[in-house]
Amino acid sequence: MEKKICVLYADDDADDVEMFQEILREIDRSILFLYAADGLQALRVLREAIVLPDVVFLDINMPLINGKECLMEIRRDENLKTIPVVMYSTSSTEHEVVQCLELGASDYLCKAANYKKLREDIESILKNLRSTQAYKIN
């Protein structure tokens, strides 16, 4: 039996959060959506979760603890280190992408200005997750 995907999205921009959640609903209404407004809250959600999310999307530029710092904490935590983490940023510089991958990011997604492109990118990441595990995406 296939299980439903649970996604944690951490971003301090309310408009980006709303758009991301809308895209997930379009892809599959059964996706469980968790949200954190900054890296510190994301770590709290992860450490207090009864069931861990299947994938974490982290904005890089957030208050308190930024996405890179949050990623490093996730990779140091024995209970969290295997969760796929996708860095999600407006920056698409090669240096930024390489640095995030070296810190342990599973993938890097640039915030597309085009809604359709962003939806395709997110759907592709979720389908890749499904192909490696027994998740259901309609």
C-alpha atoms as a PDB file:
ATOM      1  CA  MET A   1       0.000   0.000   0.000  1.00  0.00           C
ATOM      2  CA  GLU A   2       1.300   3.412  -0.938  1.00  0.00           C
ATOM      3  CA  LYS A   3       1.481   6.089   1.719  1.00  0.00           C
ATOM      4  CA  LYS A   4       0.790   9.773   1.373  1.00  0.00           C
ATOM      5  CA  ILE A   5       3.625  12.266   1.174  1.00  0.00           C
ATOM      6  CA  CYS A   6       4.260  14.733   3.982  1.00  0.00           C
ATOM      7  CA  VAL A   7       6.129  17.930   3.059  1.00  0.00           C
ATOM      8  CA  LEU A   8       7.692  20.460   5.433  1.00  0.00           C
ATOM      9  CA  TYR A   9       8.220  23.876   3.873  1.00  0.00           C
ATOM     10  CA  ALA A  10      10.212  26.550   5.704  1.00  0.00           C
ATOM     11  CA  ASP A  11      10.043  30.124   4.401  1.00  0.00           C
ATOM     12  CA  ASP A  12       9.420  33.519   5.976  1.00  0.00           C
ATOM     13  CA  ASP A  13       7.668  34.952   2.899  1.00  0.00           C
ATOM     14  CA  ALA A  14       3.885  34.497   3.277  1.00  0.00           C
ATOM     15  CA  ASP A  15       3.259  34.880  -0.477  1.00  0.00           C
ATOM     16  CA  ASP A  16       5.786  32.148  -1.289  1.00  0.00           C
ATOM     17  CA  VAL A  17       4.217  29.869   1.343  1.00  0.00           C
ATOM     18  CA  GLU A  18       0.744  30.402  -0.082  1.00  0.00           C
ATOM     19  CA  MET A  19       1.920  29.703  -3.638  1.00  0.00           C
ATOM     20  CA  PHE A  20       3.868  26.597  -2.574  1.00  0.00           C
ATOM     21  CA  GLN A  21       0.853  25.219  -0.709  1.00  0.00           C
ATOM     22  CA  GLU A  22      -1.408  25.940  -3.690  1.00  0.00           C
ATOM     23  CA  ILE A  23       0.977  24.068  -5.989  1.00  0.00           C
ATOM     24  CA  LEU A  24       1.024  21.067  -3.665  1.00  0.00           C
ATOM     25  CA  ARG A  25      -2.804  21.037  -3.619  1.00  0.00           C
ATOM     26  CA  GLU A  26      -2.836  21.082  -7.428  1.00  0.00           C
ATOM     27  CA  ILE A  27      -0.354  18.203  -7.602  1.00  0.00           C
ATOM     28  CA  ASP A  28      -2.169  16.037  -5.055  1.00  0.00           C
ATOM     29  CA  ARG A  29      -4.742  17.209  -2.507  1.00  0.00           C
ATOM     30  CA  SER A  30      -3.753  14.422  -0.121  1.00  0.00           C
ATOM     31  CA  ILE A  31      -0.196  15.724   0.423  1.00  0.00           C
ATOM     32  CA  LEU A  32       0.240  16.644   4.074  1.00  0.00           C
ATOM     33  CA  PHE A  33       1.672  20.162   4.350  1.00  0.00           C
ATOM     34  CA  LEU A  34       3.702  21.352   7.331  1.00  0.00           C
ATOM     35  CA  TYR A  35       4.985  24.916   7.525  1.00  0.00           C
ATOM     36  CA  ALA A  36       7.682  26.769   9.445  1.00  0.00           C
ATOM     37  CA  ALA A  37       8.370  30.525   9.286  1.00  0.00           C
ATOM     38  CA  ASP A  38      12.115  30.195   9.952  1.00  0.00           C
ATOM     39  CA  GLY A  39      14.867  27.632  10.407  1.00  0.00           C
ATOM     40  CA  LEU A  40      14.494  27.486  14.172  1.00  0.00           C
ATOM     41  CA  GLN A  41      10.800  26.670  13.883  1.00  0.00           C
ATOM     42  CA  ALA A  42      11.583  24.079  11.180  1.00  0.00           C
ATOM     43  CA  LEU A  43      13.986  22.301  13.532  1.00  0.00           C
ATOM     44  CA  ARG A  44      11.377  22.394  16.305  1.00  0.00           C
ATOM     45  CA  VAL A  45       8.734  20.897  13.991  1.00  0.00           C
ATOM     46  CA  LEU A  46      11.147  18.152  12.914  1.00  0.00           C
ATOM     47  CA  ARG A  47      12.298  17.308  16.426  1.00  0.00           C
ATOM     48  CA  GLU A  48       8.760  17.225  17.828  1.00  0.00           C
ATOM     49  CA  ALA A  49       7.159  15.378  14.907  1.00  0.00           C
ATOM     50  CA  ILE A  50       5.436  12.087  15.624  1.00  0.00           C
ATOM     51  CA  VAL A  51       5.902  11.169  11.967  1.00  0.00           C
ATOM     52  CA  LEU A  52       8.773  12.828  10.105  1.00  0.00           C
ATOM     53  CA  PRO A  53       8.112  14.584   6.802  1.00  0.00           C
ATOM     54  CA  ASP A  54       9.221  12.772   3.664  1.00  0.00           C
ATOM     55  CA  VAL A  55      10.925  15.839   2.258  1.00  0.00           C
ATOM     56  CA  VAL A  56      11.880  19.284   3.545  1.00  0.00           C
ATOM     57  CA  PHE A  57      12.000  22.398   1.372  1.00  0.00           C
ATOM     58  CA  LEU A  58      14.169  25.111   2.976  1.00  0.00           C
ATOM     59  CA  ASP A  59      14.349  28.718   1.898  1.00  0.00           C
ATOM     60  CA  ILE A  60      17.930  29.933   2.310  1.00  0.00           C
ATOM     61  CA  ASN A  61      17.247  33.484   3.514  1.00  0.00           C
ATOM     62  CA  MET A  62      15.224  33.246   6.727  1.00  0.00           C
ATOM     63  CA  PRO A  63      15.466  34.973  10.112  1.00  0.00           C
ATOM     64  CA  LEU A  64      16.851  33.373  13.312  1.00  0.00           C
ATOM     65  CA  ILE A  65      18.414  30.358  11.592  1.00  0.00           C
ATOM     66  CA  ASN A  66      18.842  30.522   7.825  1.00  0.00           C
ATOM     67  CA  GLY A  67      18.320  27.580   5.501  1.00  0.00           C
ATOM     68  CA  LYS A  68      21.981  26.569   5.357  1.00  0.00           C
ATOM     69  CA  GLU A  69      22.312  26.575   9.145  1.00  0.00           C
ATOM     70  CA  CYS A  70      19.088  24.578   9.421  1.00  0.00           C
ATOM     71  CA  LEU A  71      20.372  22.081   6.834  1.00  0.00           C
ATOM     72  CA  MET A  72      23.593  21.617   8.826  1.00  0.00           C
ATOM     73  CA  GLU A  73      21.588  20.949  12.003  1.00  0.00           C
ATOM     74  CA  ILE A  74      19.380  18.420  10.185  1.00  0.00           C
ATOM     75  CA  ARG A  75      22.436  16.584   8.841  1.00  0.00           C
ATOM     76  CA  ARG A  76      24.000  16.459  12.346  1.00  0.00           C
ATOM     77  CA  ASP A  77      20.865  15.008  13.967  1.00  0.00           C
ATOM     78  CA  GLU A  78      20.796  11.187  13.968  1.00  0.00           C
ATOM     79  CA  ASN A  79      16.991  11.126  13.772  1.00  0.00           C
ATOM     80  CA  LEU A  80      16.747  13.628  10.905  1.00  0.00           C
ATOM     81  CA  LYS A  81      19.849  13.210   8.776  1.00  0.00           C
ATOM     82  CA  THR A  82      18.287  10.870   6.205  1.00  0.00           C
ATOM     83  CA  ILE A  83      15.377  13.170   5.332  1.00  0.00           C
ATOM     84  CA  PRO A  84      15.737  14.572   1.801  1.00  0.00           C
ATOM     85  CA  VAL A  85      16.239  18.349   2.002  1.00  0.00           C
ATOM     86  CA  VAL A  86      15.681  20.594  -1.007  1.00  0.00           C
ATOM     87  CA  MET A  87      17.161  24.073  -0.767  1.00  0.00           C
ATOM     88  CA  TYR A  88      14.778  26.609  -2.257  1.00  0.00           C
ATOM     89  CA  SER A  89      16.043  30.076  -3.153  1.00  0.00           C
ATOM     90  CA  THR A  90      15.900  32.974  -5.563  1.00  0.00           C
ATOM     91  CA  SER A  91      19.672  32.648  -5.981  1.00  0.00           C
ATOM     92  CA  SER A  92      20.815  30.428  -8.816  1.00  0.00           C
ATOM     93  CA  THR A  93      24.545  31.125  -8.675  1.00  0.00           C
ATOM     94  CA  GLU A  94      26.732  28.063  -9.139  1.00  0.00           C
ATOM     95  CA  HIS A  95      28.583  28.896  -5.911  1.00  0.00           C
ATOM     96  CA  GLU A  96      25.321  28.875  -3.923  1.00  0.00           C
ATOM     97  CA  VAL A  97      24.130  25.601  -5.441  1.00  0.00           C
ATOM     98  CA  VAL A  98      27.486  23.850  -4.923  1.00  0.00           C
ATOM     99  CA  GLN A  99      27.755  25.105  -1.343  1.00  0.00           C
ATOM    100  CA  CYS A 100      24.289  23.787  -0.462  1.00  0.00           C
ATOM    101  CA  LEU A 101      24.979  20.391  -2.039  1.00  0.00           C
ATOM    102  CA  GLU A 102      28.284  20.182  -0.160  1.00  0.00           C
ATOM    103  CA  LEU A 103      26.421  20.912   3.088  1.00  0.00           C
ATOM    104  CA  GLY A 104      24.195  17.902   2.426  1.00  0.00           C
ATOM    105  CA  ALA A 105      21.246  19.187   0.414  1.00  0.00           C
ATOM    106  CA  SER A 106      19.525  16.491  -1.629  1.00  0.00           C
ATOM    107  CA  ASP A 107      18.563  18.971  -4.337  1.00  0.00           C
ATOM    108  CA  TYR A 108      18.466  22.683  -5.103  1.00  0.00           C
ATOM    109  CA  LEU A 109      15.433  24.424  -6.534  1.00  0.00           C
ATOM    110  CA  CYS A 110      15.510  27.988  -7.781  1.00  0.00           C
ATOM    111  CA  LYS A 111      12.312  29.936  -7.141  1.00  0.00           C
ATOM    112  CA  ALA A 112      10.953  30.285 -10.646  1.00  0.00           C
ATOM    113  CA  ALA A 113       9.286  33.560 -11.574  1.00  0.00           C
ATOM    114  CA  ASN A 114       6.855  31.534 -13.665  1.00  0.00           C
ATOM    115  CA  TYR A 115       4.149  29.640 -11.718  1.00  0.00           C
ATOM    116  CA  LYS A 116       3.896  26.864 -14.316  1.00  0.00           C
ATOM    117  CA  LYS A 117       7.663  26.257 -14.242  1.00  0.00           C
ATOM    118  CA  LEU A 118       7.718  26.211 -10.439  1.00  0.00           C
ATOM    119  CA  ARG A 119       4.860  23.705 -10.364  1.00  0.00           C
ATOM    120  CA  GLU A 120       6.694  21.467 -12.858  1.00  0.00           C
ATOM    121  CA  ASP A 121       9.892  21.651 -10.788  1.00  0.00           C
ATOM    122  CA  ILE A 122       8.142  20.779  -7.511  1.00  0.00           C
ATOM    123  CA  GLU A 123       6.160  17.987  -9.136  1.00  0.00           C
ATOM    124  CA  SER A 124       9.351  16.554 -10.624  1.00  0.00           C
ATOM    125  CA  ILE A 125      11.060  16.511  -7.218  1.00  0.00           C
ATOM    126  CA  LEU A 126       8.060  14.785  -5.634  1.00  0.00           C
ATOM    127  CA  LYS A 127       7.870  12.223  -8.451  1.00  0.00           C
ATOM    128  CA  ASN A 128      11.571  11.483  -8.018  1.00  0.00           C
ATOM    129  CA  LEU A 129      10.881  10.916  -4.329  1.00  0.00           C
ATOM    130  CA  ARG A 130       8.048   8.570  -5.238  1.00  0.00           C
ATOM    131  CA  SER A 131      10.258   6.615  -7.632  1.00  0.00           C
ATOM    132  CA  THR A 132      12.763   5.916  -4.860  1.00  0.00           C
ATOM    133  CA  GLN A 133      10.156   5.039  -2.219  1.00  0.00           C
ATOM    134  CA  ALA A 134       6.585   3.748  -2.044  1.00  0.00           C
ATOM    135  CA  TYR A 135       4.730   7.068  -2.078  1.00  0.00           C
ATOM    136  CA  LYS A 136       1.593   7.924  -3.928  1.00  0.00           C
ATOM    137  CA  ILE A 137       1.342  11.031  -6.070  1.00  0.00           C
ATOM    138  CA  ASN A 138      -1.735  11.278  -8.268  1.00  0.00           C
END
